[in-house]
Amino acid sequence: MSKSNKALSKERLVDFYSTMVTIRDFENAAIEYFQKGIVLGNMHASNGQEAVAVGLMKALKQDDFVSTHHRGNGHFIAKGCDMGKMMAELMGKREGLCKGHGGKMHQVDKAYGMMGASGIVSAACVLGPGHALYSQLFNPGQVTMAIFGDGGANQGMFHEGINIAALWKLPVVFVCENNQFGISLRDTDSAASATIAQRSASYDIPGVRVDGNDVIAVYEAAVEAVARAREGKGPTLIECRTYRVRGHYEGDDMSYRTKEETADWVENHDPIKKLKEVLTAEWGWTEADDKEVRDKAAANVKKAVEYGIAGTLMRAEDAEENVYAEDGV
């Protein structure tokens, strides 16, 4: 069971729960339509990692910036982005967030501070400080969250980005979404340090490791780090240790781990189940309450899928649109 926390209202916890259920449903729908050939490109699902997305994004304001990675659908949904436009983007439709140009790997929604997902490993570690530098110079009080995976923590950009952010006290929170596998390489086989969070000591900034499947723990760590950044005290490094239930990509045979290991995480560590336990134990959550939330989430995702399917497929001759800024922009 997730830890008790009466300091958070029932309404807030239900919002967390509803958002996690919605993310799970969205990802499952995206997988289904990828298998049908309607979602284009590749598909990297975040099933089992929903607590990280929700805990992080709910600690931010709408205009705070986020730079994320290729497994970032949950971050967009938790920040409040339009799921219909997201699904249309995944399907390569002109009605998508980026008119079909970005796809899943490179979605952007500036209205919600989502400055871009990226297929480049650890890109957020240098893009995030760039966004934060803008805020420091022109919009004090605005914070950036830079999210990367455990594999990204071993890239040079990780060290370069954190070093300059610490040196300049930039308002950025670095978050390692450690799902324990860099493609097929387990995190414990790719790094000598016991944790990624402890690397913060090299740059004289706070570092904390939390249970990435406990949305309350993630949220509390994020709130503290965001407040610190907003006050001009510089960056924090948060490591959220979670588990990637599905393969690195759809079609991955996952031969690098046992079925029993994955089943254990699904059965005993699922973030949605953990929060449901808290709601049930502390707030009298009933199966009727649960059904209401799940039915609403399913209906919203169904509506998003229908919007995407009804959209206009981007044409090859449209590929050069929006490459350059228009005059006066």
C-alpha atoms as a PDB file:
ATOM      1  CA  MET A   1       0.000   0.000   0.000  1.00  0.00           C
ATOM      2  CA  SER A   2       1.131   3.544  -0.739  1.00  0.00           C
ATOM      3  CA  LYS A   3       1.895   5.561   2.347  1.00  0.00           C
ATOM      4  CA  SER A   4      -0.911   7.362   4.131  1.00  0.00           C
ATOM      5  CA  ASN A   5      -1.149  11.079   3.520  1.00  0.00           C
ATOM      6  CA  LYS A   6      -4.216  12.866   4.871  1.00  0.00           C
ATOM      7  CA  ALA A   7      -2.500  16.154   4.044  1.00  0.00           C
ATOM      8  CA  LEU A   8      -3.683  15.591   0.481  1.00  0.00           C
ATOM      9  CA  SER A   9      -7.411  15.967   0.010  1.00  0.00           C
ATOM     10  CA  LYS A  10      -9.635  13.228  -1.338  1.00  0.00           C
ATOM     11  CA  GLU A  11     -10.362  15.425  -4.361  1.00  0.00           C
ATOM     12  CA  ARG A  12      -6.681  15.714  -5.187  1.00  0.00           C
ATOM     13  CA  LEU A  13      -6.080  11.982  -4.810  1.00  0.00           C
ATOM     14  CA  VAL A  14      -9.110  11.195  -6.979  1.00  0.00           C
ATOM     15  CA  ASP A  15      -7.707  13.570  -9.605  1.00  0.00           C
ATOM     16  CA  PHE A  16      -4.388  11.699  -9.434  1.00  0.00           C
ATOM     17  CA  TYR A  17      -6.187   8.375  -9.746  1.00  0.00           C
ATOM     18  CA  SER A  18      -8.412   9.479 -12.609  1.00  0.00           C
ATOM     19  CA  THR A  19      -5.446  10.853 -14.535  1.00  0.00           C
ATOM     20  CA  MET A  20      -3.432   7.651 -14.085  1.00  0.00           C
ATOM     21  CA  VAL A  21      -6.372   5.539 -15.284  1.00  0.00           C
ATOM     22  CA  THR A  22      -6.799   7.844 -18.286  1.00  0.00           C
ATOM     23  CA  ILE A  23      -3.117   7.564 -19.195  1.00  0.00           C
ATOM     24  CA  ARG A  24      -3.294   3.759 -18.995  1.00  0.00           C
ATOM     25  CA  ASP A  25      -6.377   3.693 -21.231  1.00  0.00           C
ATOM     26  CA  PHE A  26      -4.827   6.123 -23.717  1.00  0.00           C
ATOM     27  CA  GLU A  27      -1.647   4.084 -23.994  1.00  0.00           C
ATOM     28  CA  ASN A  28      -3.607   0.846 -24.447  1.00  0.00           C
ATOM     29  CA  ALA A  29      -5.689   2.467 -27.190  1.00  0.00           C
ATOM     30  CA  ALA A  30      -2.547   3.759 -28.885  1.00  0.00           C
ATOM     31  CA  ILE A  31      -1.068   0.244 -28.770  1.00  0.00           C
ATOM     32  CA  GLU A  32      -4.252  -1.208 -30.275  1.00  0.00           C
ATOM     33  CA  TYR A  33      -4.300   1.249 -33.163  1.00  0.00           C
ATOM     34  CA  PHE A  34      -0.570   0.895 -33.695  1.00  0.00           C
ATOM     35  CA  GLN A  35      -1.141  -2.829 -34.158  1.00  0.00           C
ATOM     36  CA  LYS A  36      -3.856  -1.956 -36.683  1.00  0.00           C
ATOM     37  CA  GLY A  37      -1.427   0.275 -38.584  1.00  0.00           C
ATOM     38  CA  ILE A  38      -3.333   3.461 -37.795  1.00  0.00           C
ATOM     39  CA  VAL A  39      -0.898   4.904 -35.230  1.00  0.00           C
ATOM     40  CA  LEU A  40       2.196   5.548 -37.311  1.00  0.00           C
ATOM     41  CA  GLY A  41       5.919   5.181 -36.654  1.00  0.00           C
ATOM     42  CA  ASN A  42       6.847   3.248 -33.545  1.00  0.00           C
ATOM     43  CA  MET A  43       5.139   2.849 -30.194  1.00  0.00           C
ATOM     44  CA  HIS A  44       6.867   3.105 -26.823  1.00  0.00           C
ATOM     45  CA  ALA A  45       4.286   2.559 -24.085  1.00  0.00           C
ATOM     46  CA  SER A  46       4.592   3.750 -20.481  1.00  0.00           C
ATOM     47  CA  ASN A  47       2.312   1.182 -18.846  1.00  0.00           C
ATOM     48  CA  GLY A  48       3.246   0.901 -15.173  1.00  0.00           C
ATOM     49  CA  GLN A  49       4.887   4.330 -15.057  1.00  0.00           C
ATOM     50  CA  GLU A  50       1.765   6.465 -14.677  1.00  0.00           C
ATOM     51  CA  ALA A  51       2.530   7.603 -11.124  1.00  0.00           C
ATOM     52  CA  VAL A  52       5.686   9.362 -12.293  1.00  0.00           C
ATOM     53  CA  ALA A  53       3.854  11.381 -14.942  1.00  0.00           C
ATOM     54  CA  VAL A  54       1.017  12.365 -12.630  1.00  0.00           C
ATOM     55  CA  GLY A  55       3.126  13.101  -9.555  1.00  0.00           C
ATOM     56  CA  LEU A  56       5.460  15.328 -11.541  1.00  0.00           C
ATOM     57  CA  MET A  57       2.998  17.219 -13.711  1.00  0.00           C
ATOM     58  CA  LYS A  58       0.538  17.935 -10.889  1.00  0.00           C
ATOM     59  CA  ALA A  59       3.316  19.804  -9.074  1.00  0.00           C
ATOM     60  CA  LEU A  60       3.648  22.307 -11.932  1.00  0.00           C
ATOM     61  CA  LYS A  61       1.676  25.303 -13.156  1.00  0.00           C
ATOM     62  CA  GLN A  62       0.261  25.320 -16.679  1.00  0.00           C
ATOM     63  CA  ASP A  63       2.895  27.764 -17.960  1.00  0.00           C
ATOM     64  CA  ASP A  64       5.847  25.912 -16.416  1.00  0.00           C
ATOM     65  CA  PHE A  65       8.023  24.265 -19.062  1.00  0.00           C
ATOM     66  CA  VAL A  66       8.530  20.543 -19.553  1.00  0.00           C
ATOM     67  CA  SER A  67      11.143  18.842 -21.722  1.00  0.00           C
ATOM     68  CA  THR A  68      10.593  15.105 -21.949  1.00  0.00           C
ATOM     69  CA  HIS A  69      11.521  11.918 -23.792  1.00  0.00           C
ATOM     70  CA  HIS A  70      10.117   9.469 -26.346  1.00  0.00           C
ATOM     71  CA  ARG A  71       7.898   7.711 -23.750  1.00  0.00           C
ATOM     72  CA  GLY A  72       6.122  10.898 -22.744  1.00  0.00           C
ATOM     73  CA  ASN A  73       2.412  10.543 -23.576  1.00  0.00           C
ATOM     74  CA  GLY A  74       1.582  10.381 -19.878  1.00  0.00           C
ATOM     75  CA  HIS A  75       3.387  13.644 -19.191  1.00  0.00           C
ATOM     76  CA  PHE A  76       1.343  15.435 -21.860  1.00  0.00           C
ATOM     77  CA  ILE A  77      -1.954  14.045 -20.557  1.00  0.00           C
ATOM     78  CA  ALA A  78      -1.159  14.818 -16.912  1.00  0.00           C
ATOM     79  CA  LYS A  79      -0.180  18.394 -17.845  1.00  0.00           C
ATOM     80  CA  GLY A  80      -3.635  18.868 -19.389  1.00  0.00           C
ATOM     81  CA  CYS A  81      -3.021  18.591 -23.131  1.00  0.00           C
ATOM     82  CA  ASP A  82      -5.876  17.694 -25.481  1.00  0.00           C
ATOM     83  CA  MET A  83      -5.966  13.904 -25.920  1.00  0.00           C
ATOM     84  CA  GLY A  84      -7.828  14.154 -29.206  1.00  0.00           C
ATOM     85  CA  LYS A  85      -5.070  16.267 -30.712  1.00  0.00           C
ATOM     86  CA  MET A  86      -2.504  13.914 -29.199  1.00  0.00           C
ATOM     87  CA  MET A  87      -4.102  10.851 -30.749  1.00  0.00           C
ATOM     88  CA  ALA A  88      -4.425  12.658 -34.071  1.00  0.00           C
ATOM     89  CA  GLU A  89      -0.719  13.444 -33.891  1.00  0.00           C
ATOM     90  CA  LEU A  90       0.120   9.795 -33.268  1.00  0.00           C
ATOM     91  CA  MET A  91      -1.968   8.926 -36.328  1.00  0.00           C
ATOM     92  CA  GLY A  92      -0.172  11.473 -38.517  1.00  0.00           C
ATOM     93  CA  LYS A  93      -3.214  13.702 -38.908  1.00  0.00           C
ATOM     94  CA  ARG A  94      -3.256  17.420 -39.659  1.00  0.00           C
ATOM     95  CA  GLU A  95      -5.529  17.949 -36.655  1.00  0.00           C
ATOM     96  CA  GLY A  96      -2.742  16.786 -34.332  1.00  0.00           C
ATOM     97  CA  LEU A  97      -0.753  18.902 -31.892  1.00  0.00           C
ATOM     98  CA  CYS A  98       1.933  19.404 -34.546  1.00  0.00           C
ATOM     99  CA  LYS A  99      -0.276  18.863 -37.602  1.00  0.00           C
ATOM    100  CA  GLY A 100       1.067  15.317 -37.908  1.00  0.00           C
ATOM    101  CA  HIS A 101       4.683  16.434 -38.288  1.00  0.00           C
ATOM    102  CA  GLY A 102       5.901  15.416 -34.839  1.00  0.00           C
ATOM    103  CA  GLY A 103       4.310  12.062 -34.234  1.00  0.00           C
ATOM    104  CA  LYS A 104       4.733  10.427 -30.841  1.00  0.00           C
ATOM    105  CA  MET A 105       8.464  11.091 -30.612  1.00  0.00           C
ATOM    106  CA  HIS A 106       8.347  14.868 -31.056  1.00  0.00           C
ATOM    107  CA  GLN A 107       5.062  16.240 -29.760  1.00  0.00           C
ATOM    108  CA  VAL A 108       4.910  19.875 -28.625  1.00  0.00           C
ATOM    109  CA  ASP A 109       2.145  21.866 -26.946  1.00  0.00           C
ATOM    110  CA  LYS A 110       3.403  25.294 -25.965  1.00  0.00           C
ATOM    111  CA  ALA A 111       0.001  26.295 -24.534  1.00  0.00           C
ATOM    112  CA  TYR A 112       0.697  23.863 -21.695  1.00  0.00           C
ATOM    113  CA  GLY A 113       4.442  24.446 -21.486  1.00  0.00           C
ATOM    114  CA  MET A 114       5.231  21.151 -23.213  1.00  0.00           C
ATOM    115  CA  MET A 115       8.320  22.199 -25.119  1.00  0.00           C
ATOM    116  CA  GLY A 116       8.849  18.864 -26.781  1.00  0.00           C
ATOM    117  CA  ALA A 117       9.392  15.178 -26.483  1.00  0.00           C
ATOM    118  CA  SER A 118      12.597  13.953 -28.107  1.00  0.00           C
ATOM    119  CA  GLY A 119      13.953  10.715 -29.489  1.00  0.00           C
ATOM    120  CA  ILE A 120      17.481  11.821 -28.619  1.00  0.00           C
ATOM    121  CA  VAL A 121      18.554  10.102 -25.410  1.00  0.00           C
ATOM    122  CA  SER A 122      19.093  12.613 -22.584  1.00  0.00           C
ATOM    123  CA  ALA A 123      18.149  15.602 -24.761  1.00  0.00           C
ATOM    124  CA  ALA A 124      16.023  17.048 -21.953  1.00  0.00           C
ATOM    125  CA  CYS A 125      19.159  17.420 -19.813  1.00  0.00           C
ATOM    126  CA  VAL A 126      20.418  20.218 -22.079  1.00  0.00           C
ATOM    127  CA  LEU A 127      17.149  21.514 -23.546  1.00  0.00           C
ATOM    128  CA  GLY A 128      15.649  21.893 -20.067  1.00  0.00           C
ATOM    129  CA  PRO A 129      18.395  24.187 -18.781  1.00  0.00           C
ATOM    130  CA  GLY A 130      17.971  26.245 -21.953  1.00  0.00           C
ATOM    131  CA  HIS A 131      14.293  26.777 -21.212  1.00  0.00           C
ATOM    132  CA  ALA A 132      15.160  27.535 -17.593  1.00  0.00           C
ATOM    133  CA  LEU A 133      17.727  30.132 -18.643  1.00  0.00           C
ATOM    134  CA  TYR A 134      15.004  31.917 -20.609  1.00  0.00           C
ATOM    135  CA  SER A 135      12.788  31.944 -17.520  1.00  0.00           C
ATOM    136  CA  GLN A 136      15.598  33.179 -15.288  1.00  0.00           C
ATOM    137  CA  LEU A 137      16.250  36.089 -17.656  1.00  0.00           C
ATOM    138  CA  PHE A 138      12.754  37.016 -18.797  1.00  0.00           C
ATOM    139  CA  ASN A 139      10.100  35.321 -16.650  1.00  0.00           C
ATOM    140  CA  PRO A 140      11.272  34.839 -13.049  1.00  0.00           C
ATOM    141  CA  GLY A 141       9.233  32.323 -11.083  1.00  0.00           C
ATOM    142  CA  GLN A 142       8.720  30.006 -14.028  1.00  0.00           C
ATOM    143  CA  VAL A 143      10.164  26.500 -13.625  1.00  0.00           C
ATOM    144  CA  THR A 144      11.310  23.839 -16.101  1.00  0.00           C
ATOM    145  CA  MET A 145      11.135  20.095 -15.534  1.00  0.00           C
ATOM    146  CA  ALA A 146      13.648  18.053 -17.549  1.00  0.00           C
ATOM    147  CA  ILE A 147      12.726  14.353 -17.708  1.00  0.00           C
ATOM    148  CA  PHE A 148      15.023  11.589 -18.947  1.00  0.00           C
ATOM    149  CA  GLY A 149      15.464   7.837 -18.556  1.00  0.00           C
ATOM    150  CA  ASP A 150      18.025   5.771 -16.694  1.00  0.00           C
ATOM    151  CA  GLY A 151      19.903   5.199 -19.954  1.00  0.00           C
ATOM    152  CA  GLY A 152      20.091   8.961 -20.421  1.00  0.00           C
ATOM    153  CA  ALA A 153      21.816   9.340 -17.066  1.00  0.00           C
ATOM    154  CA  ASN A 154      24.940   7.796 -18.591  1.00  0.00           C
ATOM    155  CA  GLN A 155      25.127  10.287 -21.449  1.00  0.00           C
ATOM    156  CA  GLY A 156      27.472  13.252 -21.438  1.00  0.00           C
ATOM    157  CA  MET A 157      24.529  15.639 -21.776  1.00  0.00           C
ATOM    158  CA  PHE A 158      23.319  14.595 -18.318  1.00  0.00           C
ATOM    159  CA  HIS A 159      26.510  15.880 -16.692  1.00  0.00           C
ATOM    160  CA  GLU A 160      26.865  18.940 -18.920  1.00  0.00           C
ATOM    161  CA  GLY A 161      23.290  20.057 -18.343  1.00  0.00           C
ATOM    162  CA  ILE A 162      23.272  19.573 -14.585  1.00  0.00           C
ATOM    163  CA  ASN A 163      26.676  21.217 -14.228  1.00  0.00           C
ATOM    164  CA  ILE A 164      25.688  24.463 -15.966  1.00  0.00           C
ATOM    165  CA  ALA A 165      22.276  24.497 -14.258  1.00  0.00           C
ATOM    166  CA  ALA A 166      23.897  24.144 -10.845  1.00  0.00           C
ATOM    167  CA  LEU A 167      26.546  26.729 -11.671  1.00  0.00           C
ATOM    168  CA  TRP A 168      23.968  29.324 -12.754  1.00  0.00           C
ATOM    169  CA  LYS A 169      21.280  28.236 -10.260  1.00  0.00           C
ATOM    170  CA  LEU A 170      18.787  27.750 -13.062  1.00  0.00           C
ATOM    171  CA  PRO A 171      15.144  27.060 -12.146  1.00  0.00           C
ATOM    172  CA  VAL A 172      15.097  23.499 -13.433  1.00  0.00           C
ATOM    173  CA  VAL A 173      14.189  20.156 -11.857  1.00  0.00           C
ATOM    174  CA  PHE A 174      15.986  17.144 -13.358  1.00  0.00           C
ATOM    175  CA  VAL A 175      13.964  13.948 -13.152  1.00  0.00           C
ATOM    176  CA  CYS A 176      15.282  10.492 -13.992  1.00  0.00           C
ATOM    177  CA  GLU A 177      12.329   8.262 -14.821  1.00  0.00           C
ATOM    178  CA  ASN A 178      14.193   5.083 -14.037  1.00  0.00           C
ATOM    179  CA  ASN A 179      12.127   2.198 -15.425  1.00  0.00           C
ATOM    180  CA  GLN A 180      15.104  -0.135 -14.835  1.00  0.00           C
ATOM    181  CA  PHE A 181      15.893  -0.876 -18.486  1.00  0.00           C
ATOM    182  CA  GLY A 182      17.798   1.058 -21.132  1.00  0.00           C
ATOM    183  CA  ILE A 183      16.243  -0.852 -24.042  1.00  0.00           C
ATOM    184  CA  SER A 184      17.348  -4.314 -22.813  1.00  0.00           C
ATOM    185  CA  LEU A 185      20.150  -3.380 -20.392  1.00  0.00           C
ATOM    186  CA  ARG A 186      19.205  -3.376 -16.710  1.00  0.00           C
ATOM    187  CA  ASP A 187      20.076  -0.201 -14.845  1.00  0.00           C
ATOM    188  CA  THR A 188      22.243  -2.064 -12.329  1.00  0.00           C
ATOM    189  CA  ASP A 189      24.403  -3.354 -15.195  1.00  0.00           C
ATOM    190  CA  SER A 190      24.981   0.043 -16.765  1.00  0.00           C
ATOM    191  CA  ALA A 191      26.205   2.223 -13.911  1.00  0.00           C
ATOM    192  CA  ALA A 192      28.707   1.872 -11.088  1.00  0.00           C
ATOM    193  CA  SER A 193      26.871   4.196  -8.707  1.00  0.00           C
ATOM    194  CA  ALA A 194      24.264   2.589  -6.454  1.00  0.00           C
ATOM    195  CA  THR A 195      21.699   5.224  -7.401  1.00  0.00           C
ATOM    196  CA  ILE A 196      21.373   7.950  -9.994  1.00  0.00           C
ATOM    197  CA  ALA A 197      20.144  10.404  -7.362  1.00  0.00           C
ATOM    198  CA  GLN A 198      23.482  10.295  -5.514  1.00  0.00           C
ATOM    199  CA  ARG A 199      25.224  11.837  -8.516  1.00  0.00           C
ATOM    200  CA  SER A 200      23.749  15.156  -7.416  1.00  0.00           C
ATOM    201  CA  ALA A 201      26.591  15.423  -4.875  1.00  0.00           C
ATOM    202  CA  SER A 202      29.050  16.019  -7.697  1.00  0.00           C
ATOM    203  CA  TYR A 203      27.254  19.258  -8.514  1.00  0.00           C
ATOM    204  CA  ASP A 204      26.377  20.302  -4.955  1.00  0.00           C
ATOM    205  CA  ILE A 205      22.622  20.122  -5.485  1.00  0.00           C
ATOM    206  CA  PRO A 206      19.948  18.102  -3.641  1.00  0.00           C
ATOM    207  CA  GLY A 207      19.269  14.584  -4.870  1.00  0.00           C
ATOM    208  CA  VAL A 208      16.451  12.287  -3.827  1.00  0.00           C
ATOM    209  CA  ARG A 209      15.291   8.820  -4.832  1.00  0.00           C
ATOM    210  CA  VAL A 210      11.609   7.951  -4.508  1.00  0.00           C
ATOM    211  CA  ASP A 211       9.305   5.039  -5.252  1.00  0.00           C
ATOM    212  CA  GLY A 212       8.177   5.929  -8.758  1.00  0.00           C
ATOM    213  CA  ASN A 213       5.076   3.742  -8.375  1.00  0.00           C
ATOM    214  CA  ASP A 214       3.849   5.788  -5.400  1.00  0.00           C
ATOM    215  CA  VAL A 215       2.210   8.882  -6.859  1.00  0.00           C
ATOM    216  CA  ILE A 216       2.094  10.609  -3.456  1.00  0.00           C
ATOM    217  CA  ALA A 217       5.846  10.172  -2.930  1.00  0.00           C
ATOM    218  CA  VAL A 218       6.586  11.451  -6.440  1.00  0.00           C
ATOM    219  CA  TYR A 219       4.292  14.441  -5.985  1.00  0.00           C
ATOM    220  CA  GLU A 220       5.797  15.415  -2.623  1.00  0.00           C
ATOM    221  CA  ALA A 221       9.349  15.257  -3.974  1.00  0.00           C
ATOM    222  CA  ALA A 222       8.341  17.266  -7.031  1.00  0.00           C
ATOM    223  CA  VAL A 223       6.550  19.943  -4.987  1.00  0.00           C
ATOM    224  CA  GLU A 224       9.639  20.489  -2.838  1.00  0.00           C
ATOM    225  CA  ALA A 225      12.007  20.610  -5.817  1.00  0.00           C
ATOM    226  CA  VAL A 226       9.744  22.927  -7.815  1.00  0.00           C
ATOM    227  CA  ALA A 227       9.402  25.311  -4.864  1.00  0.00           C
ATOM    228  CA  ARG A 228      13.177  25.402  -4.466  1.00  0.00           C
ATOM    229  CA  ALA A 229      13.664  26.182  -8.155  1.00  0.00           C
ATOM    230  CA  ARG A 230      10.922  28.818  -8.126  1.00  0.00           C
ATOM    231  CA  GLU A 231      12.617  30.552  -5.201  1.00  0.00           C
ATOM    232  CA  GLY A 232      15.845  30.894  -7.193  1.00  0.00           C
ATOM    233  CA  LYS A 233      17.780  28.246  -5.244  1.00  0.00           C
ATOM    234  CA  GLY A 234      18.681  26.196  -8.295  1.00  0.00           C
ATOM    235  CA  PRO A 235      18.136  22.644  -9.505  1.00  0.00           C
ATOM    236  CA  THR A 236      17.299  19.361  -7.810  1.00  0.00           C
ATOM    237  CA  LEU A 237      17.819  15.833  -9.117  1.00  0.00           C
ATOM    238  CA  ILE A 238      14.948  13.399  -8.510  1.00  0.00           C
ATOM    239  CA  GLU A 239      15.196   9.708  -9.343  1.00  0.00           C
ATOM    240  CA  CYS A 240      11.818   7.974  -9.656  1.00  0.00           C
ATOM    241  CA  ARG A 241      12.397   4.227  -9.688  1.00  0.00           C
ATOM    242  CA  THR A 242       9.560   2.539 -11.507  1.00  0.00           C
ATOM    243  CA  TYR A 243       9.167  -0.409 -13.875  1.00  0.00           C
ATOM    244  CA  ARG A 244       8.484  -0.656 -17.602  1.00  0.00           C
ATOM    245  CA  VAL A 245       5.798  -3.335 -17.833  1.00  0.00           C
ATOM    246  CA  ARG A 246       5.811  -3.580 -21.625  1.00  0.00           C
ATOM    247  CA  GLY A 247       8.821  -3.876 -23.909  1.00  0.00           C
ATOM    248  CA  HIS A 248      11.033  -1.034 -25.017  1.00  0.00           C
ATOM    249  CA  TYR A 249       8.887  -0.892 -28.136  1.00  0.00           C
ATOM    250  CA  GLU A 250       5.823  -2.794 -29.306  1.00  0.00           C
ATOM    251  CA  GLY A 251       7.154  -6.072 -30.708  1.00  0.00           C
ATOM    252  CA  ASP A 252      10.008  -6.335 -28.203  1.00  0.00           C
ATOM    253  CA  ASP A 253      10.091  -9.988 -27.047  1.00  0.00           C
ATOM    254  CA  MET A 254      11.501  -8.970 -23.641  1.00  0.00           C
ATOM    255  CA  SER A 255      13.820 -11.983 -23.570  1.00  0.00           C
ATOM    256  CA  TYR A 256      16.136 -10.063 -21.230  1.00  0.00           C
ATOM    257  CA  ARG A 257      13.795 -10.578 -18.240  1.00  0.00           C
ATOM    258  CA  THR A 258      11.525 -13.292 -16.906  1.00  0.00           C
ATOM    259  CA  LYS A 259       7.748 -13.361 -17.242  1.00  0.00           C
ATOM    260  CA  GLU A 260       7.576 -13.964 -13.502  1.00  0.00           C
ATOM    261  CA  GLU A 261       9.401 -10.710 -12.762  1.00  0.00           C
ATOM    262  CA  THR A 262       7.060  -8.685 -14.931  1.00  0.00           C
ATOM    263  CA  ALA A 263       4.004 -10.434 -13.482  1.00  0.00           C
ATOM    264  CA  ASP A 264       5.160  -9.597  -9.961  1.00  0.00           C
ATOM    265  CA  TRP A 265       5.403  -5.901 -10.788  1.00  0.00           C
ATOM    266  CA  VAL A 266       1.962  -5.943 -12.413  1.00  0.00           C
ATOM    267  CA  GLU A 267       0.366  -7.762  -9.494  1.00  0.00           C
ATOM    268  CA  ASN A 268       2.146  -6.215  -6.518  1.00  0.00           C
ATOM    269  CA  HIS A 269       3.523  -2.826  -7.533  1.00  0.00           C
ATOM    270  CA  ASP A 270       1.029  -1.364  -9.996  1.00  0.00           C
ATOM    271  CA  PRO A 271       0.732   2.392  -9.259  1.00  0.00           C
ATOM    272  CA  ILE A 272      -2.993   2.521  -9.988  1.00  0.00           C
ATOM    273  CA  LYS A 273      -3.689  -0.346  -7.588  1.00  0.00           C
ATOM    274  CA  LYS A 274      -1.509   1.297  -4.920  1.00  0.00           C
ATOM    275  CA  LEU A 275      -3.451   4.550  -4.992  1.00  0.00           C
ATOM    276  CA  LYS A 276      -6.773   2.690  -5.042  1.00  0.00           C
ATOM    277  CA  GLU A 277      -5.672   1.025  -1.788  1.00  0.00           C
ATOM    278  CA  VAL A 278      -5.111   4.446  -0.211  1.00  0.00           C
ATOM    279  CA  LEU A 279      -8.463   5.760  -1.407  1.00  0.00           C
ATOM    280  CA  THR A 280     -10.221   2.653  -0.113  1.00  0.00           C
ATOM    281  CA  ALA A 281      -8.488   2.586   3.281  1.00  0.00           C
ATOM    282  CA  GLU A 282      -8.578   6.298   4.032  1.00  0.00           C
ATOM    283  CA  TRP A 283     -11.481   7.776   2.088  1.00  0.00           C
ATOM    284  CA  GLY A 284     -14.068   5.001   1.828  1.00  0.00           C
ATOM    285  CA  TRP A 285     -13.562   4.520  -1.902  1.00  0.00           C
ATOM    286  CA  THR A 286     -16.114   2.070  -3.290  1.00  0.00           C
ATOM    287  CA  GLU A 287     -16.340  -0.064  -6.404  1.00  0.00           C
ATOM    288  CA  ALA A 288     -19.111   2.253  -7.601  1.00  0.00           C
ATOM    289  CA  ASP A 289     -16.713   5.214  -7.251  1.00  0.00           C
ATOM    290  CA  ASP A 290     -14.093   3.251  -9.133  1.00  0.00           C
ATOM    291  CA  LYS A 291     -16.453   2.342 -11.947  1.00  0.00           C
ATOM    292  CA  GLU A 292     -17.488   5.962 -12.369  1.00  0.00           C
ATOM    293  CA  VAL A 293     -13.872   7.080 -12.776  1.00  0.00           C
ATOM    294  CA  ARG A 294     -12.987   4.246 -15.134  1.00  0.00           C
ATOM    295  CA  ASP A 295     -16.094   4.720 -17.283  1.00  0.00           C
ATOM    296  CA  LYS A 296     -15.361   8.431 -17.641  1.00  0.00           C
ATOM    297  CA  ALA A 297     -11.730   7.761 -18.564  1.00  0.00           C
ATOM    298  CA  ALA A 298     -12.740   5.145 -21.133  1.00  0.00           C
ATOM    299  CA  ALA A 299     -15.278   7.525 -22.682  1.00  0.00           C
ATOM    300  CA  ASN A 300     -12.728  10.346 -22.930  1.00  0.00           C
ATOM    301  CA  VAL A 301     -10.145   8.089 -24.568  1.00  0.00           C
ATOM    302  CA  LYS A 302     -12.781   6.717 -26.968  1.00  0.00           C
ATOM    303  CA  LYS A 303     -13.630  10.290 -27.947  1.00  0.00           C
ATOM    304  CA  ALA A 304      -9.923  11.015 -28.523  1.00  0.00           C
ATOM    305  CA  VAL A 305      -9.561   7.941 -30.746  1.00  0.00           C
ATOM    306  CA  GLU A 306     -12.621   8.934 -32.772  1.00  0.00           C
ATOM    307  CA  TYR A 307     -11.208  12.440 -33.226  1.00  0.00           C
ATOM    308  CA  GLY A 308      -7.911  11.024 -34.432  1.00  0.00           C
ATOM    309  CA  ILE A 309      -9.480   8.564 -36.848  1.00  0.00           C
ATOM    310  CA  ALA A 310     -11.710  11.288 -38.321  1.00  0.00           C
ATOM    311  CA  GLY A 311      -8.720  13.532 -38.996  1.00  0.00           C
ATOM    312  CA  THR A 312      -6.982  14.293 -42.276  1.00  0.00           C
ATOM    313  CA  LEU A 313      -3.852  12.279 -42.971  1.00  0.00           C
ATOM    314  CA  MET A 314      -0.823  14.477 -43.584  1.00  0.00           C
ATOM    315  CA  ARG A 315       0.406  14.308 -47.185  1.00  0.00           C
ATOM    316  CA  ALA A 316       3.999  13.865 -48.322  1.00  0.00           C
ATOM    317  CA  GLU A 317       3.858  17.267 -50.011  1.00  0.00           C
ATOM    318  CA  ASP A 318       3.111  18.864 -46.612  1.00  0.00           C
ATOM    319  CA  ALA A 319       6.428  17.749 -45.132  1.00  0.00           C
ATOM    320  CA  GLU A 320       8.120  21.113 -45.594  1.00  0.00           C
ATOM    321  CA  GLU A 321       5.387  23.096 -43.834  1.00  0.00           C
ATOM    322  CA  ASN A 322       6.292  24.847 -40.581  1.00  0.00           C
ATOM    323  CA  VAL A 323      10.017  24.305 -41.029  1.00  0.00           C
ATOM    324  CA  TYR A 324      10.774  28.035 -40.910  1.00  0.00           C
ATOM    325  CA  ALA A 325       9.118  30.830 -38.943  1.00  0.00           C
ATOM    326  CA  GLU A 326       6.865  33.078 -40.957  1.00  0.00           C
ATOM    327  CA  ASP A 327       7.839  36.718 -41.524  1.00  0.00           C
ATOM    328  CA  GLY A 328       7.228  38.797 -38.454  1.00  0.00           C
ATOM    329  CA  VAL A 329       7.056  35.824 -36.096  1.00  0.00           C
END
